[in-house]
Amino acid sequence: MSADDPLLDRLRRLCLSLPETSEADSWGHPNFKAGKRVFVAYEWLKDRVPTIAFRLDPQDVRRYAKQRGFVATPFGRGQWISLEADRRPKWSLIEALVLKSYRVVALQRMLRALDLR
């Protein structure tokens, strides 16, 4: 991964704007946590395609898996889906998925803080 990555920079700002979030480098790529639980991961598949992985409920994972631009995440036992972001990413979709993913793992106090914003 390049140190100068505008996609990662924008994703980082989005994820870290949510209550009680942090960034950790695990498994060789950036992961964004809500409290202690990862809700978004950013990685390059096969060192060529940037992807953003989202933690969603299994029903949403199955639904997105059928859509163009989404690929199975190589981890997460069916609770994660990855969006290929090598073209011009649709930020409205990314923002919606980041929030949905955050809501899956966040504690009640974090969700209250989010809703109060």
PDB file of N, CA and C in Angstrom:
ATOM      1  N   MET A   1       0.826  -1.179   0.000  1.00  0.00           N
ATOM      2  CA  MET A   1       0.000   0.000   0.000  1.00  0.00           C
ATOM      3  C   MET A   1       0.869   1.240   0.000  1.00  0.00           C
ATOM      4  N   SER A   2       0.430   2.221  -0.719  1.00  0.00           N
ATOM      5  CA  SER A   2       1.137   3.484  -0.794  1.00  0.00           C
ATOM      6  C   SER A   2       0.821   4.334   0.432  1.00  0.00           C
ATOM      7  N   ALA A   3       1.829   5.097   0.884  1.00  0.00           N
ATOM      8  CA  ALA A   3       1.604   6.013   2.001  1.00  0.00           C
ATOM      9  C   ALA A   3       0.657   7.136   1.587  1.00  0.00           C
ATOM     10  N   ASP A   4       0.633   7.452   0.289  1.00  0.00           N
ATOM     11  CA  ASP A   4      -0.249   8.485  -0.240  1.00  0.00           C
ATOM     12  C   ASP A   4      -1.416   7.797  -0.940  1.00  0.00           C
ATOM     13  N   ASP A   5      -2.477   7.552  -0.208  1.00  0.00           N
ATOM     14  CA  ASP A   5      -3.623   6.830  -0.740  1.00  0.00           C
ATOM     15  C   ASP A   5      -4.885   7.644  -0.437  1.00  0.00           C
ATOM     16  N   PRO A   6      -5.369   8.430  -1.408  1.00  0.00           N
ATOM     17  CA  PRO A   6      -6.532   9.284  -1.166  1.00  0.00           C
ATOM     18  C   PRO A   6      -7.783   8.505  -0.754  1.00  0.00           C
ATOM     19  N   LEU A   7      -7.955   7.302  -1.290  1.00  0.00           N
ATOM     20  CA  LEU A   7      -9.101   6.479  -0.925  1.00  0.00           C
ATOM     21  C   LEU A   7      -9.039   6.127   0.566  1.00  0.00           C
ATOM     22  N   LEU A   8      -7.882   5.659   1.008  1.00  0.00           N
ATOM     23  CA  LEU A   8      -7.717   5.326   2.423  1.00  0.00           C
ATOM     24  C   LEU A   8      -7.868   6.564   3.294  1.00  0.00           C
ATOM     25  N   ASP A   9      -7.318   7.682   2.861  1.00  0.00           N
ATOM     26  CA  ASP A   9      -7.433   8.914   3.653  1.00  0.00           C
ATOM     27  C   ASP A   9      -8.891   9.309   3.869  1.00  0.00           C
ATOM     28  N   ARG A  10      -9.674   9.240   2.819  1.00  0.00           N
ATOM     29  CA  ARG A  10     -11.094   9.613   2.948  1.00  0.00           C
ATOM     30  C   ARG A  10     -11.851   8.593   3.798  1.00  0.00           C
ATOM     31  N   LEU A  11     -11.558   7.310   3.603  1.00  0.00           N
ATOM     32  CA  LEU A  11     -12.190   6.264   4.405  1.00  0.00           C
ATOM     33  C   LEU A  11     -11.817   6.440   5.882  1.00  0.00           C
ATOM     34  N   ARG A  12     -10.564   6.747   6.137  1.00  0.00           N
ATOM     35  CA  ARG A  12     -10.084   6.962   7.508  1.00  0.00           C
ATOM     36  C   ARG A  12     -10.851   8.104   8.178  1.00  0.00           C
ATOM     37  N   ARG A  13     -10.982   9.235   7.483  1.00  0.00           N
ATOM     38  CA  ARG A  13     -11.713  10.376   8.053  1.00  0.00           C
ATOM     39  C   ARG A  13     -13.157   9.994   8.373  1.00  0.00           C
ATOM     40  N   LEU A  14     -13.773   9.251   7.477  1.00  0.00           N
ATOM     41  CA  LEU A  14     -15.157   8.827   7.678  1.00  0.00           C
ATOM     42  C   LEU A  14     -15.274   7.910   8.895  1.00  0.00           C
ATOM     43  N   CYS A  15     -14.464   6.883   8.941  1.00  0.00           N
ATOM     44  CA  CYS A  15     -14.551   5.914  10.039  1.00  0.00           C
ATOM     45  C   CYS A  15     -14.223   6.542  11.389  1.00  0.00           C
ATOM     46  N   LEU A  16     -13.186   7.374  11.411  1.00  0.00           N
ATOM     47  CA  LEU A  16     -12.750   7.958  12.681  1.00  0.00           C
ATOM     48  C   LEU A  16     -13.650   9.104  13.143  1.00  0.00           C
ATOM     49  N   SER A  17     -14.600   9.508  12.326  1.00  0.00           N
ATOM     50  CA  SER A  17     -15.555  10.537  12.745  1.00  0.00           C
ATOM     51  C   SER A  17     -16.672   9.952  13.614  1.00  0.00           C
ATOM     52  N   LEU A  18     -16.769   8.645  13.677  1.00  0.00           N
ATOM     53  CA  LEU A  18     -17.818   7.983  14.448  1.00  0.00           C
ATOM     54  C   LEU A  18     -17.383   7.832  15.905  1.00  0.00           C
ATOM     55  N   PRO A  19     -18.339   7.787  16.833  1.00  0.00           N
ATOM     56  CA  PRO A  19     -17.999   7.707  18.260  1.00  0.00           C
ATOM     57  C   PRO A  19     -17.160   6.481  18.623  1.00  0.00           C
ATOM     58  N   GLU A  20     -16.143   6.730  19.434  1.00  0.00           N
ATOM     59  CA  GLU A  20     -15.291   5.691  20.024  1.00  0.00           C
ATOM     60  C   GLU A  20     -14.650   4.771  18.984  1.00  0.00           C
ATOM     61  N   THR A  21     -14.176   5.359  17.895  1.00  0.00           N
ATOM     62  CA  THR A  21     -13.514   4.557  16.863  1.00  0.00           C
ATOM     63  C   THR A  21     -12.012   4.770  16.911  1.00  0.00           C
ATOM     64  N   SER A  22     -11.303   3.794  16.376  1.00  0.00           N
ATOM     65  CA  SER A  22      -9.844   3.861  16.297  1.00  0.00           C
ATOM     66  C   SER A  22      -9.387   3.074  15.081  1.00  0.00           C
ATOM     67  N   GLU A  23      -8.125   3.272  14.746  1.00  0.00           N
ATOM     68  CA  GLU A  23      -7.520   2.545  13.629  1.00  0.00           C
ATOM     69  C   GLU A  23      -6.411   1.667  14.176  1.00  0.00           C
ATOM     70  N   ALA A  24      -6.335   0.457  13.671  1.00  0.00           N
ATOM     71  CA  ALA A  24      -5.266  -0.465  14.059  1.00  0.00           C
ATOM     72  C   ALA A  24      -4.758  -1.149  12.798  1.00  0.00           C
ATOM     73  N   ASP A  25      -3.473  -1.370  12.743  1.00  0.00           N
ATOM     74  CA  ASP A  25      -2.882  -2.110  11.632  1.00  0.00           C
ATOM     75  C   ASP A  25      -2.773  -3.558  12.070  1.00  0.00           C
ATOM     76  N   SER A  26      -3.621  -4.394  11.487  1.00  0.00           N
ATOM     77  CA  SER A  26      -3.640  -5.814  11.813  1.00  0.00           C
ATOM     78  C   SER A  26      -3.667  -6.611  10.525  1.00  0.00           C
ATOM     79  N   TRP A  27      -3.028  -7.740  10.526  1.00  0.00           N
ATOM     80  CA  TRP A  27      -3.008  -8.628   9.359  1.00  0.00           C
ATOM     81  C   TRP A  27      -2.478  -7.920   8.122  1.00  0.00           C
ATOM     82  N   GLY A  28      -1.634  -6.915   8.314  1.00  0.00           N
ATOM     83  CA  GLY A  28      -0.991  -6.237   7.201  1.00  0.00           C
ATOM     84  C   GLY A  28      -1.796  -5.149   6.527  1.00  0.00           C
ATOM     85  N   HIS A  29      -2.910  -4.738   7.136  1.00  0.00           N
ATOM     86  CA  HIS A  29      -3.707  -3.673   6.541  1.00  0.00           C
ATOM     87  C   HIS A  29      -4.452  -2.905   7.631  1.00  0.00           C
ATOM     88  N   PRO A  30      -4.925  -1.700   7.309  1.00  0.00           N
ATOM     89  CA  PRO A  30      -5.660  -0.904   8.296  1.00  0.00           C
ATOM     90  C   PRO A  30      -7.044  -1.494   8.587  1.00  0.00           C
ATOM     91  N   ASN A  31      -7.376  -1.513   9.858  1.00  0.00           N
ATOM     92  CA  ASN A  31      -8.699  -1.925  10.316  1.00  0.00           C
ATOM     93  C   ASN A  31      -9.254  -0.804  11.181  1.00  0.00           C
ATOM     94  N   PHE A  32     -10.536  -0.578  11.078  1.00  0.00           N
ATOM     95  CA  PHE A  32     -11.187   0.453  11.872  1.00  0.00           C
ATOM     96  C   PHE A  32     -12.108  -0.227  12.868  1.00  0.00           C
ATOM     97  N   LYS A  33     -11.966   0.184  14.126  1.00  0.00           N
ATOM     98  CA  LYS A  33     -12.684  -0.457  15.219  1.00  0.00           C
ATOM     99  C   LYS A  33     -13.681   0.490  15.862  1.00  0.00           C
ATOM    100  N   ALA A  34     -14.799  -0.071  16.258  1.00  0.00           N
ATOM    101  CA  ALA A  34     -15.773   0.605  17.109  1.00  0.00           C
ATOM    102  C   ALA A  34     -15.593  -0.052  18.470  1.00  0.00           C
ATOM    103  N   GLY A  35     -14.992   0.683  19.395  1.00  0.00           N
ATOM    104  CA  GLY A  35     -14.609   0.055  20.655  1.00  0.00           C
ATOM    105  C   GLY A  35     -13.508  -0.949  20.366  1.00  0.00           C
ATOM    106  N   LYS A  36     -13.747  -2.211  20.650  1.00  0.00           N
ATOM    107  CA  LYS A  36     -12.745  -3.255  20.425  1.00  0.00           C
ATOM    108  C   LYS A  36     -13.036  -4.121  19.205  1.00  0.00           C
ATOM    109  N   ARG A  37     -14.127  -3.824  18.498  1.00  0.00           N
ATOM    110  CA  ARG A  37     -14.544  -4.681  17.390  1.00  0.00           C
ATOM    111  C   ARG A  37     -14.339  -4.006  16.038  1.00  0.00           C
ATOM    112  N   VAL A  38     -13.750  -4.733  15.114  1.00  0.00           N
ATOM    113  CA  VAL A  38     -13.500  -4.218  13.760  1.00  0.00           C
ATOM    114  C   VAL A  38     -14.828  -4.130  13.003  1.00  0.00           C
ATOM    115  N   PHE A  39     -15.023  -2.968  12.346  1.00  0.00           N
ATOM    116  CA  PHE A  39     -16.233  -2.820  11.533  1.00  0.00           C
ATOM    117  C   PHE A  39     -15.915  -2.523  10.063  1.00  0.00           C
ATOM    118  N   VAL A  40     -14.686  -2.071   9.767  1.00  0.00           N
ATOM    119  CA  VAL A  40     -14.265  -1.829   8.390  1.00  0.00           C
ATOM    120  C   VAL A  40     -12.788  -2.203   8.264  1.00  0.00           C
ATOM    121  N   ALA A  41     -12.452  -2.846   7.164  1.00  0.00           N
ATOM    122  CA  ALA A  41     -11.047  -3.171   6.863  1.00  0.00           C
ATOM    123  C   ALA A  41     -10.746  -2.676   5.451  1.00  0.00           C
ATOM    124  N   TYR A  42      -9.522  -2.222   5.263  1.00  0.00           N
ATOM    125  CA  TYR A  42      -9.087  -1.736   3.953  1.00  0.00           C
ATOM    126  C   TYR A  42      -7.876  -2.550   3.545  1.00  0.00           C
ATOM    127  N   GLU A  43      -7.953  -3.179   2.391  1.00  0.00           N
ATOM    128  CA  GLU A  43      -6.813  -3.972   1.943  1.00  0.00           C
ATOM    129  C   GLU A  43      -6.783  -4.067   0.428  1.00  0.00           C
ATOM    130  N   TRP A  44      -5.643  -4.485  -0.063  1.00  0.00           N
ATOM    131  CA  TRP A  44      -5.450  -4.698  -1.497  1.00  0.00           C
ATOM    132  C   TRP A  44      -5.500  -6.191  -1.752  1.00  0.00           C
ATOM    133  N   LEU A  45      -6.481  -6.628  -2.535  1.00  0.00           N
ATOM    134  CA  LEU A  45      -6.559  -8.041  -2.896  1.00  0.00           C
ATOM    135  C   LEU A  45      -5.549  -8.327  -3.989  1.00  0.00           C
ATOM    136  N   LYS A  46      -4.750  -9.315  -3.769  1.00  0.00           N
ATOM    137  CA  LYS A  46      -3.720  -9.721  -4.729  1.00  0.00           C
ATOM    138  C   LYS A  46      -2.825  -8.548  -5.114  1.00  0.00           C
ATOM    139  N   ASP A  47      -2.643  -7.613  -4.196  1.00  0.00           N
ATOM    140  CA  ASP A  47      -1.792  -6.439  -4.381  1.00  0.00           C
ATOM    141  C   ASP A  47      -2.133  -5.610  -5.608  1.00  0.00           C
ATOM    142  N   ARG A  48      -3.384  -5.673  -6.046  1.00  0.00           N
ATOM    143  CA  ARG A  48      -3.717  -4.881  -7.228  1.00  0.00           C
ATOM    144  C   ARG A  48      -5.049  -4.149  -7.132  1.00  0.00           C
ATOM    145  N   VAL A  49      -5.971  -4.627  -6.333  1.00  0.00           N
ATOM    146  CA  VAL A  49      -7.293  -4.016  -6.260  1.00  0.00           C
ATOM    147  C   VAL A  49      -7.584  -3.587  -4.821  1.00  0.00           C
ATOM    148  N   PRO A  50      -7.776  -2.282  -4.586  1.00  0.00           N
ATOM    149  CA  PRO A  50      -8.142  -1.870  -3.235  1.00  0.00           C
ATOM    150  C   PRO A  50      -9.578  -2.297  -2.928  1.00  0.00           C
ATOM    151  N   THR A  51      -9.782  -2.813  -1.731  1.00  0.00           N
ATOM    152  CA  THR A  51     -11.120  -3.216  -1.314  1.00  0.00           C
ATOM    153  C   THR A  51     -11.413  -2.651   0.072  1.00  0.00           C
ATOM    154  N   ILE A  52     -12.689  -2.454   0.313  1.00  0.00           N
ATOM    155  CA  ILE A  52     -13.167  -2.040   1.624  1.00  0.00           C
ATOM    156  C   ILE A  52     -14.106  -3.135   2.090  1.00  0.00           C
ATOM    157  N   ALA A  53     -13.776  -3.750   3.230  1.00  0.00           N
ATOM    158  CA  ALA A  53     -14.592  -4.828   3.778  1.00  0.00           C
ATOM    159  C   ALA A  53     -15.482  -4.269   4.885  1.00  0.00           C
ATOM    160  N   PHE A  54     -16.734  -4.702   4.874  1.00  0.00           N
ATOM    161  CA  PHE A  54     -17.732  -4.238   5.835  1.00  0.00           C
ATOM    162  C   PHE A  54     -18.297  -5.418   6.616  1.00  0.00           C
ATOM    163  N   ARG A  55     -18.474  -5.237   7.906  1.00  0.00           N
ATOM    164  CA  ARG A  55     -19.086  -6.255   8.773  1.00  0.00           C
ATOM    165  C   ARG A  55     -20.590  -6.011   8.752  1.00  0.00           C
ATOM    166  N   LEU A  56     -21.334  -6.935   8.174  1.00  0.00           N
ATOM    167  CA  LEU A  56     -22.777  -6.791   8.038  1.00  0.00           C
ATOM    168  C   LEU A  56     -23.477  -8.048   8.527  1.00  0.00           C
ATOM    169  N   ASP A  57     -24.795  -7.967   8.641  1.00  0.00           N
ATOM    170  CA  ASP A  57     -25.497  -9.187   9.007  1.00  0.00           C
ATOM    171  C   ASP A  57     -25.488 -10.115   7.792  1.00  0.00           C
ATOM    172  N   PRO A  58     -25.544 -11.427   8.023  1.00  0.00           N
ATOM    173  CA  PRO A  58     -25.416 -12.393   6.916  1.00  0.00           C
ATOM    174  C   PRO A  58     -26.404 -12.186   5.769  1.00  0.00           C
ATOM    175  N   GLN A  59     -27.612 -11.739   6.075  1.00  0.00           N
ATOM    176  CA  GLN A  59     -28.599 -11.488   5.014  1.00  0.00           C
ATOM    177  C   GLN A  59     -28.106 -10.386   4.076  1.00  0.00           C
ATOM    178  N   ASP A  60     -27.538  -9.303   4.631  1.00  0.00           N
ATOM    179  CA  ASP A  60     -26.990  -8.239   3.792  1.00  0.00           C
ATOM    180  C   ASP A  60     -25.781  -8.721   3.005  1.00  0.00           C
ATOM    181  N   VAL A  61     -24.947  -9.548   3.622  1.00  0.00           N
ATOM    182  CA  VAL A  61     -23.777 -10.086   2.923  1.00  0.00           C
ATOM    183  C   VAL A  61     -24.234 -10.873   1.690  1.00  0.00           C
ATOM    184  N   ARG A  62     -25.226 -11.719   1.846  1.00  0.00           N
ATOM    185  CA  ARG A  62     -25.726 -12.510   0.713  1.00  0.00           C
ATOM    186  C   ARG A  62     -26.304 -11.599  -0.377  1.00  0.00           C
ATOM    187  N   ARG A  63     -27.005 -10.551   0.027  1.00  0.00           N
ATOM    188  CA  ARG A  63     -27.608  -9.631  -0.948  1.00  0.00           C
ATOM    189  C   ARG A  63     -26.530  -8.880  -1.733  1.00  0.00           C
ATOM    190  N   TYR A  64     -25.533  -8.334  -1.036  1.00  0.00           N
ATOM    191  CA  TYR A  64     -24.475  -7.594  -1.727  1.00  0.00           C
ATOM    192  C   TYR A  64     -23.586  -8.510  -2.564  1.00  0.00           C
ATOM    193  N   ALA A  65     -23.425  -9.748  -2.151  1.00  0.00           N
ATOM    194  CA  ALA A  65     -22.578 -10.685  -2.896  1.00  0.00           C
ATOM    195  C   ALA A  65     -23.081 -10.891  -4.325  1.00  0.00           C
ATOM    196  N   LYS A  66     -24.350 -10.631  -4.557  1.00  0.00           N
ATOM    197  CA  LYS A  66     -24.940 -10.791  -5.884  1.00  0.00           C
ATOM    198  C   LYS A  66     -24.788  -9.540  -6.757  1.00  0.00           C
ATOM    199  N   GLN A  67     -24.287  -8.472  -6.158  1.00  0.00           N
ATOM    200  CA  GLN A  67     -24.181  -7.209  -6.890  1.00  0.00           C
ATOM    201  C   GLN A  67     -22.785  -7.016  -7.466  1.00  0.00           C
ATOM    202  N   ARG A  68     -22.752  -6.362  -8.598  1.00  0.00           N
ATOM    203  CA  ARG A  68     -21.485  -6.066  -9.274  1.00  0.00           C
ATOM    204  C   ARG A  68     -20.607  -5.187  -8.384  1.00  0.00           C
ATOM    205  N   GLY A  69     -19.316  -5.499  -8.362  1.00  0.00           N
ATOM    206  CA  GLY A  69     -18.365  -4.709  -7.595  1.00  0.00           C
ATOM    207  C   GLY A  69     -18.098  -5.238  -6.202  1.00  0.00           C
ATOM    208  N   PHE A  70     -18.895  -6.181  -5.746  1.00  0.00           N
ATOM    209  CA  PHE A  70     -18.693  -6.793  -4.439  1.00  0.00           C
ATOM    210  C   PHE A  70     -18.078  -8.172  -4.606  1.00  0.00           C
ATOM    211  N   VAL A  71     -17.196  -8.533  -3.686  1.00  0.00           N
ATOM    212  CA  VAL A  71     -16.561  -9.847  -3.707  1.00  0.00           C
ATOM    213  C   VAL A  71     -16.598 -10.425  -2.294  1.00  0.00           C
ATOM    214  N   ALA A  72     -16.533 -11.738  -2.231  1.00  0.00           N
ATOM    215  CA  ALA A  72     -16.491 -12.398  -0.925  1.00  0.00           C
ATOM    216  C   ALA A  72     -15.231 -11.979  -0.190  1.00  0.00           C
ATOM    217  N   THR A  73     -15.384 -11.646   1.072  1.00  0.00           N
ATOM    218  CA  THR A  73     -14.236 -11.290   1.903  1.00  0.00           C
ATOM    219  C   THR A  73     -13.572 -12.584   2.351  1.00  0.00           C
ATOM    220  N   PRO A  74     -12.234 -12.660   2.264  1.00  0.00           N
ATOM    221  CA  PRO A  74     -11.554 -13.917   2.587  1.00  0.00           C
ATOM    222  C   PRO A  74     -11.516 -14.250   4.080  1.00  0.00           C
ATOM    223  N   PHE A  75     -12.227 -13.517   4.892  1.00  0.00           N
ATOM    224  CA  PHE A  75     -12.289 -13.801   6.329  1.00  0.00           C
ATOM    225  C   PHE A  75     -13.706 -13.500   6.796  1.00  0.00           C
ATOM    226  N   GLY A  76     -14.027 -13.865   7.995  1.00  0.00           N
ATOM    227  CA  GLY A  76     -15.277 -13.414   8.577  1.00  0.00           C
ATOM    228  C   GLY A  76     -16.460 -14.350   8.538  1.00  0.00           C
ATOM    229  N   ARG A  77     -16.300 -15.557   8.023  1.00  0.00           N
ATOM    230  CA  ARG A  77     -17.350 -16.575   8.083  1.00  0.00           C
ATOM    231  C   ARG A  77     -18.735 -16.081   7.648  1.00  0.00           C
ATOM    232  N   GLY A  78     -18.787 -15.396   6.515  1.00  0.00           N
ATOM    233  CA  GLY A  78     -20.068 -14.969   5.973  1.00  0.00           C
ATOM    234  C   GLY A  78     -20.654 -13.727   6.609  1.00  0.00           C
ATOM    235  N   GLN A  79     -19.884 -13.047   7.448  1.00  0.00           N
ATOM    236  CA  GLN A  79     -20.370 -11.826   8.083  1.00  0.00           C
ATOM    237  C   GLN A  79     -19.717 -10.575   7.502  1.00  0.00           C
ATOM    238  N   TRP A  80     -18.930 -10.746   6.461  1.00  0.00           N
ATOM    239  CA  TRP A  80     -18.214  -9.638   5.820  1.00  0.00           C
ATOM    240  C   TRP A  80     -18.407  -9.697   4.311  1.00  0.00           C
ATOM    241  N   ILE A  81     -18.429  -8.517   3.692  1.00  0.00           N
ATOM    242  CA  ILE A  81     -18.444  -8.408   2.237  1.00  0.00           C
ATOM    243  C   ILE A  81     -17.486  -7.286   1.858  1.00  0.00           C
ATOM    244  N   SER A  82     -16.792  -7.446   0.741  1.00  0.00           N
ATOM    245  CA  SER A  82     -15.816  -6.451   0.300  1.00  0.00           C
ATOM    246  C   SER A  82     -16.278  -5.768  -0.977  1.00  0.00           C
ATOM    247  N   LEU A  83     -16.061  -4.480  -1.019  1.00  0.00           N
ATOM    248  CA  LEU A  83     -16.365  -3.670  -2.190  1.00  0.00           C
ATOM    249  C   LEU A  83     -15.060  -3.358  -2.899  1.00  0.00           C
ATOM    250  N   GLU A  84     -14.965  -3.724  -4.178  1.00  0.00           N
ATOM    251  CA  GLU A  84     -13.787  -3.357  -4.960  1.00  0.00           C
ATOM    252  C   GLU A  84     -13.854  -1.863  -5.235  1.00  0.00           C
ATOM    253  N   ALA A  85     -12.790  -1.172  -4.904  1.00  0.00           N
ATOM    254  CA  ALA A  85     -12.790   0.295  -5.021  1.00  0.00           C
ATOM    255  C   ALA A  85     -11.728   0.768  -6.006  1.00  0.00           C
ATOM    256  N   ASP A  86     -11.492  -0.014  -7.057  1.00  0.00           N
ATOM    257  CA  ASP A  86     -10.451   0.352  -8.020  1.00  0.00           C
ATOM    258  C   ASP A  86     -10.935   1.372  -9.046  1.00  0.00           C
ATOM    259  N   ARG A  87     -12.239   1.475  -9.214  1.00  0.00           N
ATOM    260  CA  ARG A  87     -12.786   2.501 -10.109  1.00  0.00           C
ATOM    261  C   ARG A  87     -13.177   3.699  -9.253  1.00  0.00           C
ATOM    262  N   ARG A  88     -13.889   4.615  -9.835  1.00  0.00           N
ATOM    263  CA  ARG A  88     -14.369   5.756  -9.043  1.00  0.00           C
ATOM    264  C   ARG A  88     -15.393   5.253  -8.042  1.00  0.00           C
ATOM    265  N   PRO A  89     -15.023   5.241  -6.764  1.00  0.00           N
ATOM    266  CA  PRO A  89     -15.951   4.689  -5.768  1.00  0.00           C
ATOM    267  C   PRO A  89     -17.167   5.590  -5.570  1.00  0.00           C
ATOM    268  N   LYS A  90     -18.284   4.960  -5.328  1.00  0.00           N
ATOM    269  CA  LYS A  90     -19.522   5.687  -5.056  1.00  0.00           C
ATOM    270  C   LYS A  90     -19.568   5.956  -3.552  1.00  0.00           C
ATOM    271  N   TRP A  91     -19.220   7.174  -3.159  1.00  0.00           N
ATOM    272  CA  TRP A  91     -19.066   7.488  -1.738  1.00  0.00           C
ATOM    273  C   TRP A  91     -20.370   7.445  -0.969  1.00  0.00           C
ATOM    274  N   SER A  92     -21.478   7.710  -1.597  1.00  0.00           N
ATOM    275  CA  SER A  92     -22.750   7.610  -0.872  1.00  0.00           C
ATOM    276  C   SER A  92     -22.991   6.168  -0.427  1.00  0.00           C
ATOM    277  N   LEU A  93     -22.637   5.206  -1.280  1.00  0.00           N
ATOM    278  CA  LEU A  93     -22.759   3.795  -0.919  1.00  0.00           C
ATOM    279  C   LEU A  93     -21.762   3.424   0.177  1.00  0.00           C
ATOM    280  N   ILE A  94     -20.530   3.865   0.049  1.00  0.00           N
ATOM    281  CA  ILE A  94     -19.508   3.567   1.053  1.00  0.00           C
ATOM    282  C   ILE A  94     -19.919   4.135   2.405  1.00  0.00           C
ATOM    283  N   GLU A  95     -20.391   5.373   2.419  1.00  0.00           N
ATOM    284  CA  GLU A  95     -20.820   5.986   3.678  1.00  0.00           C
ATOM    285  C   GLU A  95     -21.963   5.202   4.319  1.00  0.00           C
ATOM    286  N   ALA A  96     -22.929   4.786   3.516  1.00  0.00           N
ATOM    287  CA  ALA A  96     -24.062   4.012   4.043  1.00  0.00           C
ATOM    288  C   ALA A  96     -23.587   2.678   4.610  1.00  0.00           C
ATOM    289  N   LEU A  97     -22.665   2.018   3.920  1.00  0.00           N
ATOM    290  CA  LEU A  97     -22.165   0.724   4.395  1.00  0.00           C
ATOM    291  C   LEU A  97     -21.294   0.877   5.643  1.00  0.00           C
ATOM    292  N   VAL A  98     -20.506   1.945   5.721  1.00  0.00           N
ATOM    293  CA  VAL A  98     -19.710   2.193   6.926  1.00  0.00           C
ATOM    294  C   VAL A  98     -20.645   2.352   8.125  1.00  0.00           C
ATOM    295  N   LEU A  99     -21.696   3.141   7.982  1.00  0.00           N
ATOM    296  CA  LEU A  99     -22.640   3.337   9.084  1.00  0.00           C
ATOM    297  C   LEU A  99     -23.360   2.045   9.446  1.00  0.00           C
ATOM    298  N   LYS A 100     -23.775   1.302   8.446  1.00  0.00           N
ATOM    299  CA  LYS A 100     -24.458   0.032   8.703  1.00  0.00           C
ATOM    300  C   LYS A 100     -23.524  -0.926   9.435  1.00  0.00           C
ATOM    301  N   SER A 101     -22.291  -0.993   9.003  1.00  0.00           N
ATOM    302  CA  SER A 101     -21.301  -1.858   9.623  1.00  0.00           C
ATOM    303  C   SER A 101     -21.020  -1.423  11.063  1.00  0.00           C
ATOM    304  N   TYR A 102     -20.866  -0.125  11.266  1.00  0.00           N
ATOM    305  CA  TYR A 102     -20.645   0.417  12.606  1.00  0.00           C
ATOM    306  C   TYR A 102     -21.786   0.011  13.528  1.00  0.00           C
ATOM    307  N   ARG A 103     -23.012   0.141  13.048  1.00  0.00           N
ATOM    308  CA  ARG A 103     -24.178  -0.184  13.871  1.00  0.00           C
ATOM    309  C   ARG A 103     -24.240  -1.668  14.233  1.00  0.00           C
ATOM    310  N   VAL A 104     -23.656  -2.515  13.413  1.00  0.00           N
ATOM    311  CA  VAL A 104     -23.640  -3.956  13.716  1.00  0.00           C
ATOM    312  C   VAL A 104     -22.779  -4.260  14.940  1.00  0.00           C
ATOM    313  N   VAL A 105     -21.658  -3.549  15.096  1.00  0.00           N
ATOM    314  CA  VAL A 105     -20.707  -3.906  16.160  1.00  0.00           C
ATOM    315  C   VAL A 105     -20.688  -2.946  17.345  1.00  0.00           C
ATOM    316  N   ALA A 106     -21.234  -1.736  17.195  1.00  0.00           N
ATOM    317  CA  ALA A 106     -21.141  -0.715  18.242  1.00  0.00           C
ATOM    318  C   ALA A 106     -21.984  -1.067  19.460  1.00  0.00           C
ATOM    319  N   LEU A 107     -21.511  -0.618  20.603  1.00  0.00           N
ATOM    320  CA  LEU A 107     -22.258  -0.763  21.852  1.00  0.00           C
ATOM    321  C   LEU A 107     -23.407   0.246  21.883  1.00  0.00           C
ATOM    322  N   GLN A 108     -24.387  -0.003  22.735  1.00  0.00           N
ATOM    323  CA  GLN A 108     -25.555   0.877  22.820  1.00  0.00           C
ATOM    324  C   GLN A 108     -25.174   2.327  23.108  1.00  0.00           C
ATOM    325  N   ARG A 109     -24.202   2.547  24.006  1.00  0.00           N
ATOM    326  CA  ARG A 109     -23.817   3.931  24.332  1.00  0.00           C
ATOM    327  C   ARG A 109     -23.207   4.623  23.109  1.00  0.00           C
ATOM    328  N   MET A 110     -22.521   3.862  22.263  1.00  0.00           N
ATOM    329  CA  MET A 110     -21.923   4.421  21.054  1.00  0.00           C
ATOM    330  C   MET A 110     -23.021   4.785  20.049  1.00  0.00           C
ATOM    331  N   LEU A 111     -24.029   3.930  19.959  1.00  0.00           N
ATOM    332  CA  LEU A 111     -25.142   4.208  19.059  1.00  0.00           C
ATOM    333  C   LEU A 111     -25.938   5.425  19.521  1.00  0.00           C
ATOM    334  N   ARG A 112     -26.111   5.564  20.836  1.00  0.00           N
ATOM    335  CA  ARG A 112     -26.783   6.754  21.364  1.00  0.00           C
ATOM    336  C   ARG A 112     -25.998   8.016  21.015  1.00  0.00           C
ATOM    337  N   ALA A 113     -24.688   7.956  21.190  1.00  0.00           N
ATOM    338  CA  ALA A 113     -23.836   9.116  20.855  1.00  0.00           C
ATOM    339  C   ALA A 113     -23.938   9.434  19.371  1.00  0.00           C
ATOM    340  N   LEU A 114     -23.968   8.422  18.527  1.00  0.00           N
ATOM    341  CA  LEU A 114     -24.102   8.630  17.085  1.00  0.00           C
ATOM    342  C   LEU A 114     -25.426   9.291  16.769  1.00  0.00           C
ATOM    343  N   ASP A 115     -26.485   8.796  17.374  1.00  0.00           N
ATOM    344  CA  ASP A 115     -27.820   9.323  17.093  1.00  0.00           C
ATOM    345  C   ASP A 115     -28.008  10.741  17.606  1.00  0.00           C
ATOM    346  N   LEU A 116     -27.244  11.144  18.609  1.00  0.00           N
ATOM    347  CA  LEU A 116     -27.340  12.495  19.160  1.00  0.00           C
ATOM    348  C   LEU A 116     -26.616  13.528  18.301  1.00  0.00           C
ATOM    349  N   ARG A 117     -25.777  13.092  17.378  1.00  0.00           N
ATOM    350  CA  ARG A 117     -25.021  14.032  16.541  1.00  0.00           C
ATOM    351  C   ARG A 117     -25.900  14.716  15.536  1.00  0.00           C
TER     352      ARG A 117
END
